[in-house]
C-alpha atoms as a PDB file:
ATOM      1  CA  UNK A   1     -48.874 -12.334 -21.710  1.00  0.00           C
ATOM      2  CA  UNK A   2     -49.444 -15.549 -23.630  1.00  0.00           C
ATOM      3  CA  UNK A   3     -48.832 -17.618 -20.497  1.00  0.00           C
ATOM      4  CA  UNK A   4     -51.319 -15.534 -18.555  1.00  0.00           C
ATOM      5  CA  UNK A   5     -53.907 -15.966 -21.309  1.00  0.00           C
ATOM      6  CA  UNK A   6     -53.355 -19.725 -21.233  1.00  0.00           C
ATOM      7  CA  UNK A   7     -53.811 -19.842 -17.471  1.00  0.00           C
ATOM      8  CA  UNK A   8     -56.975 -17.744 -17.657  1.00  0.00           C
ATOM      9  CA  UNK A   9     -58.401 -19.850 -20.462  1.00  0.00           C
ATOM     10  CA  UNK A  10     -57.837 -22.983 -18.395  1.00  0.00           C
ATOM     11  CA  UNK A  11     -59.289 -21.335 -15.297  1.00  0.00           C
ATOM     12  CA  UNK A  12     -62.445 -20.393 -17.197  1.00  0.00           C
ATOM     13  CA  UNK A  13     -62.908 -24.073 -18.058  1.00  0.00           C
ATOM     14  CA  UNK A  14     -62.364 -25.027 -14.427  1.00  0.00           C
ATOM     15  CA  UNK A  15     -59.273 -27.110 -15.237  1.00  0.00           C
ATOM     16  CA  UNK A  16     -55.853 -26.794 -13.773  1.00  0.00           C
ATOM     17  CA  UNK A  17     -53.256 -25.386 -16.168  1.00  0.00           C
ATOM     18  CA  UNK A  18     -51.731 -28.139 -18.252  1.00  0.00           C
ATOM     19  CA  UNK A  19     -48.710 -28.318 -20.483  1.00  0.00           C
ATOM     20  CA  UNK A  20     -49.187 -26.196 -23.590  1.00  0.00           C
ATOM     21  CA  UNK A  21     -49.202 -28.116 -26.861  1.00  0.00           C
ATOM     22  CA  UNK A  22     -47.401 -26.830 -29.974  1.00  0.00           C
ATOM     23  CA  UNK A  23     -50.810 -26.252 -31.602  1.00  0.00           C
ATOM     24  CA  UNK A  24     -52.047 -24.236 -28.633  1.00  0.00           C
ATOM     25  CA  UNK A  25     -48.810 -22.264 -28.536  1.00  0.00           C
ATOM     26  CA  UNK A  26     -49.230 -21.407 -32.231  1.00  0.00           C
ATOM     27  CA  UNK A  27     -52.822 -20.260 -31.653  1.00  0.00           C
ATOM     28  CA  UNK A  28     -51.732 -18.092 -28.722  1.00  0.00           C
ATOM     29  CA  UNK A  29     -48.967 -16.552 -30.842  1.00  0.00           C
ATOM     30  CA  UNK A  30     -51.491 -15.739 -33.587  1.00  0.00           C
ATOM     31  CA  UNK A  31     -53.805 -14.254 -30.938  1.00  0.00           C
ATOM     32  CA  UNK A  32     -50.997 -12.002 -29.684  1.00  0.00           C
ATOM     33  CA  UNK A  33     -50.160 -10.956 -33.258  1.00  0.00           C
ATOM     34  CA  UNK A  34     -53.773 -10.005 -33.890  1.00  0.00           C
ATOM     35  CA  UNK A  35     -53.788  -8.032 -30.644  1.00  0.00           C
ATOM     36  CA  UNK A  36     -50.749  -6.046 -31.846  1.00  0.00           C
ATOM     37  CA  UNK A  37     -52.292  -5.498 -35.295  1.00  0.00           C
ATOM     38  CA  UNK A  38     -55.509  -4.194 -33.702  1.00  0.00           C
ATOM     39  CA  UNK A  39     -53.507  -1.788 -31.531  1.00  0.00           C
ATOM     40  CA  UNK A  40     -51.483  -0.598 -34.533  1.00  0.00           C
ATOM     41  CA  UNK A  41     -54.581  -0.015 -36.645  1.00  0.00           C
ATOM     42  CA  UNK A  42     -56.387   1.729 -33.778  1.00  0.00           C
ATOM     43  CA  UNK A  43     -53.458   4.117 -33.283  1.00  0.00           C
ATOM     44  CA  UNK A  44     -53.271   5.162 -36.941  1.00  0.00           C
ATOM     45  CA  UNK A  45     -54.379   8.731 -37.731  1.00  0.00           C
ATOM     46  CA  UNK A  46     -57.358   7.360 -39.715  1.00  0.00           C
ATOM     47  CA  UNK A  47     -58.032   3.820 -38.473  1.00  0.00           C
ATOM     48  CA  UNK A  48     -59.921   1.507 -40.811  1.00  0.00           C
ATOM     49  CA  UNK A  49     -62.913   0.387 -38.770  1.00  0.00           C
ATOM     50  CA  UNK A  50     -63.683  -2.501 -41.139  1.00  0.00           C
ATOM     51  CA  UNK A  51     -60.147  -3.839 -40.713  1.00  0.00           C
ATOM     52  CA  UNK A  52     -60.365  -3.492 -36.941  1.00  0.00           C
ATOM     53  CA  UNK A  53     -63.710  -5.323 -36.880  1.00  0.00           C
ATOM     54  CA  UNK A  54     -62.321  -8.178 -38.997  1.00  0.00           C
ATOM     55  CA  UNK A  55     -59.192  -8.480 -36.835  1.00  0.00           C
ATOM     56  CA  UNK A  56     -61.343  -8.573 -33.689  1.00  0.00           C
ATOM     57  CA  UNK A  57     -63.504 -11.341 -35.177  1.00  0.00           C
ATOM     58  CA  UNK A  58     -60.400 -13.364 -36.003  1.00  0.00           C
ATOM     59  CA  UNK A  59     -59.038 -12.791 -32.494  1.00  0.00           C
ATOM     60  CA  UNK A  60     -62.325 -13.925 -30.922  1.00  0.00           C
ATOM     61  CA  UNK A  61     -62.387 -17.094 -33.059  1.00  0.00           C
ATOM     62  CA  UNK A  62     -58.839 -17.905 -31.939  1.00  0.00           C
ATOM     63  CA  UNK A  63     -59.725 -17.263 -28.304  1.00  0.00           C
ATOM     64  CA  UNK A  64     -62.713 -19.604 -28.570  1.00  0.00           C
ATOM     65  CA  UNK A  65     -60.556 -22.279 -30.182  1.00  0.00           C
ATOM     66  CA  UNK A  66     -57.883 -21.939 -27.468  1.00  0.00           C
ATOM     67  CA  UNK A  67     -60.481 -22.202 -24.710  1.00  0.00           C
ATOM     68  CA  UNK A  68     -61.992 -25.296 -26.303  1.00  0.00           C
ATOM     69  CA  UNK A  69     -58.658 -27.167 -26.166  1.00  0.00           C
END
């Protein structure tokens, strides 16, 4: 999934996919971790909406940073 996200982020910028840097790889790994944490929290019997909102904000910030690379 991370590779697909990288390709899509490059496609949105109009660039051809380039070699992933260690920094970009780390950001993509954090993005995937946040995605899993959001899913876990959402699937709890009583999800914490404040936690979900904060995780989504963090995920969006990472996505924006990845796209800007």
